[in-house]
Amino acid sequence: MWTRNFTLYFGARTISLLGDAMMPVASALAIGKIYGIAGVGYVLALWTASAVLVMVFGGVVADRIGARRLMIGADVVRVGTQGIVAAAFVDGAPPYALLLVTAFVSGMAAGVFEPGVNGMVPLVAGDPQRANATLKIAEAITHLAGPALAGVLIVTAGPVVVYTADAATFALSGVCLLLVRVTAPRPEPSDVLSDLRRGWKEFTARSWMWSIILVWVFWGLLVIGPYVPLSSQVIGADYGWVMAVLGLGTVLGGLVAIRLRPRRPLAAGAVALSGYVAVPLTVALDLPLPLLMSGHLLGGVALAFWSVMWSTSVQTHVPPQVVNRVNAYQVAGSVAGMAVGQALAGPLTALVEPRAFMLGSALVTVGVVTALLSIKPVRRLGRDSREARERPAPVAADVPR
């Protein structure tokens, strides 16, 4: 698996993810100190919303010019946005409007970057599940190191250093991607609207995919979206360490996903996801730090295993000619609810105490797992990838209506 291309891609993702893992903690502590919970929530929500707005177009462009080129361009843009924020913190309190603008531009760059992430894996690795699990372990390690590093740097060096380091990670990611050599499938001659329709029809033709995304909207709205703004304020100074333990759990979940190959990957992933209930529940119950960390460790294992099963299913059941467009639709749908949840985090604190909301998030997680396992196509989807490898992607006229 460790070919030159995969090694470079692995390096690009790991370096970039380290910077990404630092940012929620840095934003929660640096921006939250100046502008409060609502300030953090609106910045994160605008970032997410702008990513969703351009994501489907990013999938179209990635299928046309290749995911690698588009990802490099997105890294260049984010070097600029994070550098601007770093410079703004030099004077102490950056204008809130500047934070919103840079969040919007950075989110757009992330939106065109993300569809290619899954699409690149089959191009650089022959065993997608092992590659996804290895990348998930790398992501987990960055989630382990990133929050703790951000917390230490915020206290010892300030937000300028944190945001400068983040800009540097995107620069290094772009260099690694520039050195990757892959041959992307040739696109069929078509216009943008036809490409969008084609991706949508491929997405909606797979009931297991769109049904999961529909469930995931509620997950993002009521669980993942509000979690960072609310939990960072509830947990306080120990937030960085708790997030680091969540990352450690993700490492363990990735290791399990390397070895365990269930016949029904999505069903197995949904069962494993039930362990994530411990994350919002331990926050809601205001448990001592050791129990709080134990709950996040379990939640990290659960979320990592589900993520690997989901990514591998998408990559192995979608034709390579349209995988970036389909990825764009599924990612945009899965994070749409998250943007709304982030935006509502601040106003919700005026109506519901954060710990009470976290208890509701735990109940929603139970409902999400139950919903996933109640969907027959999700339960029955197997490991068979012949759909993607043997069936040619249909031309526009052949797409099911």
Protein backbone atom coordinates (compact mmCIF):
# COMPACT_ATOMS: atom_id res chain seq x y z
CA MET A 1 0.00 0.00 0.00
CA TRP A 2 2.87 2.38 0.76
CA THR A 3 3.59 3.42 -2.80
CA ARG A 4 5.09 6.81 -3.59
CA ASN A 5 1.67 8.25 -4.45
CA PHE A 6 -0.05 6.96 -1.34
CA THR A 7 2.83 8.08 0.88
CA LEU A 8 2.65 11.61 -0.52
CA TYR A 9 -1.13 11.68 -0.27
CA PHE A 10 -0.94 10.36 3.27
CA GLY A 11 1.55 13.09 4.12
CA ALA A 12 -0.64 15.79 2.57
CA ARG A 13 -3.74 14.68 4.46
CA THR A 14 -1.93 14.21 7.77
CA ILE A 15 -0.26 17.63 7.68
CA SER A 16 -3.46 19.38 6.67
CA LEU A 17 -5.53 17.50 9.25
CA LEU A 18 -3.14 18.53 12.01
CA GLY A 19 -3.90 22.16 11.26
CA ASP A 20 -7.62 21.42 11.01
CA ALA A 21 -7.57 19.67 14.40
CA MET A 22 -6.00 22.71 16.02
CA MET A 23 -8.58 25.16 14.73
CA PRO A 24 -11.75 24.25 16.69
CA VAL A 25 -9.86 24.57 19.97
CA ALA A 26 -8.04 27.71 18.82
CA SER A 27 -11.29 29.26 17.61
CA ALA A 28 -13.24 28.27 20.72
CA LEU A 29 -10.61 29.73 23.03
CA ALA A 30 -9.30 32.71 21.01
CA ILE A 31 -12.53 33.89 19.37
CA GLY A 32 -14.70 32.77 22.29
CA LYS A 33 -12.62 34.85 24.72
CA ILE A 34 -13.44 37.98 22.71
CA TYR A 35 -16.87 37.32 21.19
CA GLY A 36 -18.38 34.53 23.32
CA ILE A 37 -20.27 31.35 22.39
CA ALA A 38 -22.38 33.08 19.74
CA GLY A 39 -19.26 34.54 18.15
CA VAL A 40 -17.65 31.12 17.84
CA GLY A 41 -20.87 29.52 16.60
CA TYR A 42 -21.46 32.07 13.84
CA VAL A 43 -17.87 31.84 12.56
CA LEU A 44 -18.03 28.04 12.43
CA ALA A 45 -21.51 28.11 10.88
CA LEU A 46 -20.46 30.53 8.13
CA TRP A 47 -17.42 28.38 7.36
CA THR A 48 -19.59 25.28 7.07
CA ALA A 49 -22.36 26.99 5.09
CA SER A 50 -19.95 28.42 2.51
CA ALA A 51 -18.39 24.97 2.10
CA VAL A 52 -21.81 23.43 1.45
CA LEU A 53 -22.73 26.14 -1.07
CA VAL A 54 -19.82 25.37 -3.42
CA MET A 55 -19.32 21.68 -2.69
CA VAL A 56 -21.42 20.27 -5.52
CA PHE A 57 -19.66 22.53 -8.02
CA GLY A 58 -16.36 21.40 -6.56
CA GLY A 59 -17.34 17.82 -7.36
CA VAL A 60 -18.11 18.75 -10.97
CA VAL A 61 -14.79 20.58 -11.41
CA ALA A 62 -12.88 17.74 -9.73
CA ASP A 63 -14.33 15.24 -12.21
CA ARG A 64 -13.41 17.58 -15.08
CA ILE A 65 -9.85 18.68 -14.23
CA GLY A 66 -8.88 16.11 -11.62
CA ALA A 67 -9.26 16.22 -7.86
CA ARG A 68 -5.54 16.75 -7.23
CA ARG A 69 -5.37 20.09 -9.08
CA LEU A 70 -8.45 21.42 -7.35
CA MET A 71 -7.18 20.36 -3.92
CA ILE A 72 -3.87 22.16 -4.50
CA GLY A 73 -5.71 25.37 -5.42
CA ALA A 74 -7.84 25.09 -2.29
CA ASP A 75 -4.72 24.71 -0.14
CA VAL A 76 -3.24 27.88 -1.66
CA VAL A 77 -6.39 29.86 -0.81
CA ARG A 78 -6.36 28.62 2.78
CA VAL A 79 -2.73 29.57 3.24
CA GLY A 80 -3.88 33.11 2.51
CA THR A 81 -6.96 33.16 4.75
CA GLN A 82 -5.22 31.68 7.77
CA GLY A 83 -2.25 34.00 7.29
CA ILE A 84 -4.60 37.01 7.28
CA VAL A 85 -6.24 35.90 10.53
CA ALA A 86 -2.82 35.38 12.11
CA ALA A 87 -1.80 38.90 11.12
CA ALA A 88 -5.08 40.32 12.46
CA PHE A 89 -4.48 38.80 15.90
CA VAL A 90 -1.16 40.67 16.12
CA ASP A 91 -3.09 43.78 17.17
CA GLY A 92 -5.02 41.86 19.83
CA ALA A 93 -8.71 41.64 18.92
CA PRO A 94 -9.34 41.22 15.17
CA PRO A 95 -12.51 42.80 13.75
CA TYR A 96 -15.34 40.30 13.84
CA ALA A 97 -16.24 41.13 10.25
CA LEU A 98 -12.75 40.04 9.19
CA LEU A 99 -13.17 36.71 10.99
CA LEU A 100 -16.47 36.18 9.19
CA VAL A 101 -15.03 37.02 5.75
CA THR A 102 -12.00 34.77 6.14
CA ALA A 103 -14.22 31.99 7.48
CA PHE A 104 -16.43 32.33 4.39
CA VAL A 105 -13.50 32.21 1.93
CA SER A 106 -11.76 29.42 3.80
CA GLY A 107 -15.00 27.45 3.90
CA MET A 108 -15.40 27.83 0.13
CA ALA A 109 -11.89 26.48 -0.35
CA ALA A 110 -12.68 23.55 1.93
CA GLY A 111 -15.89 22.97 -0.04
CA VAL A 112 -14.05 22.48 -3.34
CA PHE A 113 -11.30 20.49 -1.59
CA GLU A 114 -13.51 17.94 0.18
CA PRO A 115 -15.14 16.14 -2.80
CA GLY A 116 -11.71 15.04 -4.01
CA VAL A 117 -10.61 13.55 -0.67
CA ASN A 118 -12.57 10.32 -1.11
CA GLY A 119 -12.10 10.32 -4.88
CA MET A 120 -8.31 10.35 -4.57
CA VAL A 121 -8.11 7.24 -2.37
CA PRO A 122 -8.89 4.65 -5.10
CA LEU A 123 -6.37 6.40 -7.36
CA VAL A 124 -3.47 6.14 -4.91
CA ALA A 125 -4.29 2.85 -3.11
CA GLY A 126 -5.30 -0.61 -4.28
CA ASP A 127 -7.05 -1.54 -1.02
CA PRO A 128 -9.51 1.29 -0.21
CA GLN A 129 -10.55 -0.05 3.21
CA ARG A 130 -6.97 -0.37 4.47
CA ALA A 131 -6.15 3.04 3.01
CA ASN A 132 -9.22 4.64 4.59
CA ALA A 133 -8.47 3.03 7.95
CA THR A 134 -4.84 4.18 7.77
CA LEU A 135 -5.93 7.71 6.89
CA LYS A 136 -8.46 7.59 9.72
CA ILE A 137 -5.67 6.63 12.14
CA ALA A 138 -3.62 9.57 10.88
CA GLU A 139 -6.65 11.83 11.32
CA ALA A 140 -7.10 10.47 14.81
CA ILE A 141 -3.47 11.08 15.73
CA THR A 142 -3.82 14.67 14.56
CA HIS A 143 -7.02 14.96 16.64
CA LEU A 144 -5.01 13.64 19.55
CA ALA A 145 -2.09 16.02 19.10
CA GLY A 146 -3.83 19.01 17.50
CA PRO A 147 -6.20 20.07 20.31
CA ALA A 148 -3.54 19.65 23.00
CA LEU A 149 -1.00 21.54 20.87
CA ALA A 150 -3.50 24.32 20.16
CA GLY A 151 -4.36 24.64 23.85
CA VAL A 152 -0.70 24.87 24.82
CA LEU A 153 0.12 27.35 22.04
CA ILE A 154 -2.87 29.57 22.86
CA VAL A 155 -1.69 29.81 26.47
CA THR A 156 2.04 30.12 25.83
CA ALA A 157 2.30 31.84 22.44
CA GLY A 158 -1.16 33.16 21.55
CA PRO A 159 -3.45 32.84 18.54
CA VAL A 160 -0.94 34.40 16.11
CA VAL A 161 1.31 31.36 16.33
CA VAL A 162 -1.61 28.92 16.08
CA TYR A 163 -3.05 30.48 12.92
CA THR A 164 0.40 30.84 11.37
CA ALA A 165 1.05 27.15 11.99
CA ASP A 166 -2.29 26.34 10.36
CA ALA A 167 -1.34 28.32 7.26
CA ALA A 168 1.94 26.41 7.09
CA THR A 169 0.12 23.05 7.19
CA PHE A 170 -1.89 23.96 4.09
CA ALA A 171 1.30 25.04 2.32
CA LEU A 172 2.98 21.69 3.05
CA SER A 173 -0.17 19.81 2.02
CA GLY A 174 -0.18 21.59 -1.32
CA VAL A 175 3.47 20.71 -1.95
CA CYS A 176 2.84 17.01 -1.23
CA LEU A 177 -0.18 16.94 -3.53
CA LEU A 178 1.84 18.67 -6.23
CA LEU A 179 4.25 15.71 -6.18
CA VAL A 180 1.51 13.06 -6.48
CA ARG A 181 1.20 11.53 -9.96
CA VAL A 182 -2.16 9.98 -10.78
CA THR A 183 -4.26 9.52 -13.91
CA ALA A 184 -7.86 10.50 -13.37
CA PRO A 185 -10.71 8.99 -15.46
CA ARG A 186 -11.41 11.03 -18.58
CA PRO A 187 -14.65 13.02 -18.31
CA GLU A 188 -17.31 12.81 -20.96
CA PRO A 189 -17.96 16.03 -22.95
CA SER A 190 -20.81 17.83 -21.19
CA ASP A 191 -21.88 21.13 -19.67
CA VAL A 192 -21.98 22.04 -15.99
CA LEU A 193 -25.73 21.58 -15.58
CA SER A 194 -25.58 18.14 -17.18
CA ASP A 195 -22.74 17.22 -14.83
CA LEU A 196 -24.75 18.39 -11.82
CA ARG A 197 -27.80 16.42 -12.94
CA ARG A 198 -25.66 13.36 -13.59
CA GLY A 199 -24.13 13.48 -10.12
CA TRP A 200 -27.56 14.00 -8.54
CA LYS A 201 -29.08 11.04 -10.40
CA GLU A 202 -26.16 8.80 -9.44
CA PHE A 203 -26.61 9.92 -5.83
CA THR A 204 -30.38 9.42 -5.72
CA ALA A 205 -30.14 6.07 -7.52
CA ARG A 206 -28.54 4.59 -4.37
CA SER A 207 -31.18 4.46 -1.66
CA TRP A 208 -28.65 3.37 0.97
CA MET A 209 -26.69 6.58 0.34
CA TRP A 210 -29.39 9.24 0.26
CA SER A 211 -31.25 7.70 3.20
CA ILE A 212 -28.11 7.86 5.35
CA ILE A 213 -27.53 11.49 4.38
CA LEU A 214 -31.12 12.32 5.29
CA VAL A 215 -30.57 10.86 8.75
CA TRP A 216 -27.22 12.63 8.96
CA VAL A 217 -28.87 16.05 8.60
CA PHE A 218 -30.45 15.56 12.04
CA TRP A 219 -27.14 14.26 13.40
CA GLY A 220 -25.38 17.44 12.25
CA LEU A 221 -28.16 19.75 13.43
CA LEU A 222 -28.63 18.33 16.92
CA VAL A 223 -25.37 16.53 17.78
CA ILE A 224 -22.20 17.45 15.87
CA GLY A 225 -23.01 21.06 14.95
CA PRO A 226 -23.65 22.49 18.44
CA TYR A 227 -21.08 20.24 20.13
CA VAL A 228 -17.89 22.34 19.80
CA PRO A 229 -19.35 25.73 20.83
CA LEU A 230 -21.35 24.27 23.73
CA SER A 231 -18.99 21.60 25.06
CA SER A 232 -15.97 23.92 24.98
CA GLN A 233 -17.77 26.26 27.34
CA VAL A 234 -19.08 23.47 29.59
CA ILE A 235 -15.78 21.61 29.89
CA GLY A 236 -13.63 24.74 30.12
CA ALA A 237 -9.87 24.51 30.59
CA ASP A 238 -9.78 20.72 30.16
CA TYR A 239 -11.44 20.89 26.71
CA GLY A 240 -8.18 20.42 24.79
CA TRP A 241 -7.30 17.27 26.74
CA VAL A 242 -10.77 15.81 26.29
CA MET A 243 -10.55 16.38 22.54
CA ALA A 244 -7.13 14.73 22.55
CA VAL A 245 -8.64 11.61 24.14
CA LEU A 246 -11.39 11.66 21.52
CA GLY A 247 -8.58 11.57 18.97
CA LEU A 248 -6.97 8.62 20.75
CA GLY A 249 -10.27 6.76 20.48
CA THR A 250 -10.30 7.48 16.76
CA VAL A 251 -6.83 5.92 16.47
CA LEU A 252 -8.12 2.76 18.11
CA GLY A 253 -11.21 2.75 15.89
CA GLY A 254 -9.03 3.02 12.79
CA LEU A 255 -6.88 0.10 13.95
CA VAL A 256 -10.01 -2.00 14.43
CA ALA A 257 -11.20 -1.04 10.94
CA ILE A 258 -7.91 -2.23 9.40
CA ARG A 259 -8.39 -5.74 10.80
CA LEU A 260 -12.17 -6.16 10.87
CA ARG A 261 -13.90 -6.61 7.50
CA PRO A 262 -17.61 -7.18 8.14
CA ARG A 263 -19.79 -8.65 5.39
CA ARG A 264 -22.30 -5.83 5.97
CA PRO A 265 -20.06 -2.79 6.55
CA LEU A 266 -22.75 -0.15 7.00
CA ALA A 267 -24.77 -2.30 9.40
CA ALA A 268 -21.64 -3.02 11.45
CA GLY A 269 -20.71 0.66 11.39
CA ALA A 270 -24.16 1.71 12.60
CA VAL A 271 -23.99 -0.73 15.52
CA ALA A 272 -20.55 0.62 16.43
CA LEU A 273 -21.82 4.21 16.21
CA SER A 274 -24.03 3.60 19.24
CA GLY A 275 -20.88 4.04 21.34
CA TYR A 276 -20.86 7.74 20.43
CA VAL A 277 -23.75 8.26 22.86
CA ALA A 278 -21.10 8.46 25.58
CA VAL A 279 -19.69 11.73 24.19
CA PRO A 280 -22.66 14.10 24.74
CA LEU A 281 -23.92 12.06 27.70
CA THR A 282 -20.75 12.47 29.78
CA VAL A 283 -20.79 16.22 29.10
CA ALA A 284 -24.47 16.46 30.03
CA LEU A 285 -23.99 14.61 33.32
CA ASP A 286 -21.02 16.79 34.33
CA LEU A 287 -18.96 13.70 35.16
CA PRO A 288 -15.45 13.87 36.63
CA LEU A 289 -12.63 14.30 34.13
CA PRO A 290 -11.56 10.59 34.05
CA LEU A 291 -15.11 9.50 33.17
CA LEU A 292 -15.48 12.36 30.71
CA MET A 293 -12.30 11.25 28.96
CA SER A 294 -13.40 7.60 28.99
CA GLY A 295 -16.68 8.51 27.29
CA HIS A 296 -14.86 10.45 24.59
CA LEU A 297 -12.43 7.58 24.09
CA LEU A 298 -15.35 5.23 23.40
CA GLY A 299 -17.01 7.81 21.17
CA GLY A 300 -13.84 8.21 19.12
CA VAL A 301 -13.63 4.45 18.49
CA ALA A 302 -17.29 4.36 17.45
CA LEU A 303 -17.14 7.33 15.08
CA ALA A 304 -13.89 6.20 13.42
CA PHE A 305 -15.18 2.71 12.67
CA TRP A 306 -18.40 4.08 11.17
CA SER A 307 -16.46 6.61 9.10
CA VAL A 308 -14.21 3.95 7.55
CA MET A 309 -17.16 1.70 6.71
CA TRP A 310 -19.02 4.62 5.13
CA SER A 311 -16.08 5.98 3.08
CA THR A 312 -15.16 2.54 1.79
CA SER A 313 -18.75 1.81 0.79
CA VAL A 314 -18.97 5.03 -1.21
CA GLN A 315 -15.62 4.49 -2.93
CA THR A 316 -16.30 0.87 -3.88
CA HIS A 317 -19.94 1.19 -4.98
CA VAL A 318 -19.76 4.35 -7.10
CA PRO A 319 -18.23 4.40 -10.62
CA PRO A 320 -14.91 6.31 -10.69
CA GLN A 321 -16.11 8.60 -13.49
CA VAL A 322 -18.65 10.24 -11.20
CA VAL A 323 -17.28 9.57 -7.72
CA ASN A 324 -16.25 13.19 -7.04
CA ARG A 325 -19.69 14.52 -7.94
CA VAL A 326 -21.43 11.91 -5.83
CA ASN A 327 -19.02 12.64 -2.98
CA ALA A 328 -19.90 16.32 -3.28
CA TYR A 329 -23.61 15.64 -2.87
CA GLN A 330 -23.16 13.25 0.04
CA VAL A 331 -20.71 15.51 1.89
CA ALA A 332 -22.80 18.63 1.29
CA GLY A 333 -25.87 16.87 2.62
CA SER A 334 -24.09 15.46 5.63
CA VAL A 335 -22.72 18.82 6.78
CA ALA A 336 -25.75 20.97 5.92
CA GLY A 337 -27.36 20.27 9.26
CA MET A 338 -24.05 20.92 11.00
CA ALA A 339 -23.96 24.52 9.74
CA VAL A 340 -27.41 25.22 11.15
CA GLY A 341 -26.50 23.55 14.43
CA GLN A 342 -23.37 25.68 14.78
CA ALA A 343 -25.30 28.88 14.08
CA LEU A 344 -27.98 28.00 16.64
CA ALA A 345 -25.51 27.13 19.41
CA GLY A 346 -25.33 30.69 20.71
CA PRO A 347 -29.06 31.54 20.65
CA LEU A 348 -29.89 28.13 22.14
CA THR A 349 -28.00 28.97 25.33
CA ALA A 350 -30.60 31.66 26.03
CA LEU A 351 -33.34 29.03 25.92
CA VAL A 352 -31.72 25.77 27.03
CA GLU A 353 -28.88 25.18 29.45
CA PRO A 354 -25.90 23.65 27.51
CA ARG A 355 -25.83 20.47 29.59
CA ALA A 356 -29.55 19.91 29.02
CA PHE A 357 -29.00 20.27 25.28
CA MET A 358 -26.14 17.74 25.44
CA LEU A 359 -28.51 15.27 27.08
CA GLY A 360 -30.86 15.78 24.14
CA SER A 361 -27.94 15.15 21.77
CA ALA A 362 -27.32 11.80 23.44
CA LEU A 363 -30.95 10.81 22.86
CA VAL A 364 -30.74 11.95 19.23
CA THR A 365 -27.66 9.74 18.75
CA VAL A 366 -29.70 6.75 19.90
CA GLY A 367 -32.38 7.74 17.41
CA VAL A 368 -29.84 8.08 14.58
CA VAL A 369 -28.45 4.58 15.18
CA THR A 370 -31.97 3.15 15.35
CA ALA A 371 -32.93 4.90 12.10
CA LEU A 372 -29.83 3.62 10.28
CA LEU A 373 -30.46 0.03 11.30
CA SER A 374 -34.14 0.28 10.34
CA ILE A 375 -33.28 1.10 6.70
CA LYS A 376 -33.17 -2.18 4.76
CA PRO A 377 -30.69 -1.08 2.02
CA VAL A 378 -28.29 0.09 4.73
CA ARG A 379 -28.52 -3.18 6.64
CA ARG A 380 -28.09 -5.28 3.51
CA LEU A 381 -25.35 -3.43 1.64
CA GLY A 382 -22.41 -5.81 1.32
CA ARG A 383 -18.74 -5.49 0.52
CA ASP A 384 -19.27 -6.37 -3.16
CA SER A 385 -17.71 -3.57 -5.24
CA ARG A 386 -18.54 -4.96 -8.69
CA GLU A 387 -21.10 -2.20 -9.21
CA ALA A 388 -18.31 0.37 -9.40
CA ARG A 389 -15.66 -1.75 -11.11
CA GLU A 390 -17.70 -3.60 -13.75
CA ARG A 391 -20.67 -1.38 -14.50
CA PRO A 392 -19.68 1.58 -16.69
CA ALA A 393 -21.06 4.91 -15.59
CA PRO A 394 -24.18 5.50 -17.71
CA VAL A 395 -24.28 8.31 -20.20
CA ALA A 396 -26.74 11.09 -19.48
CA ALA A 397 -29.55 9.46 -21.47
CA ASP A 398 -29.18 6.18 -19.55
CA VAL A 399 -29.37 7.63 -16.05
CA PRO A 400 -32.47 6.35 -14.21
CA ARG A 401 -35.11 9.05 -13.86
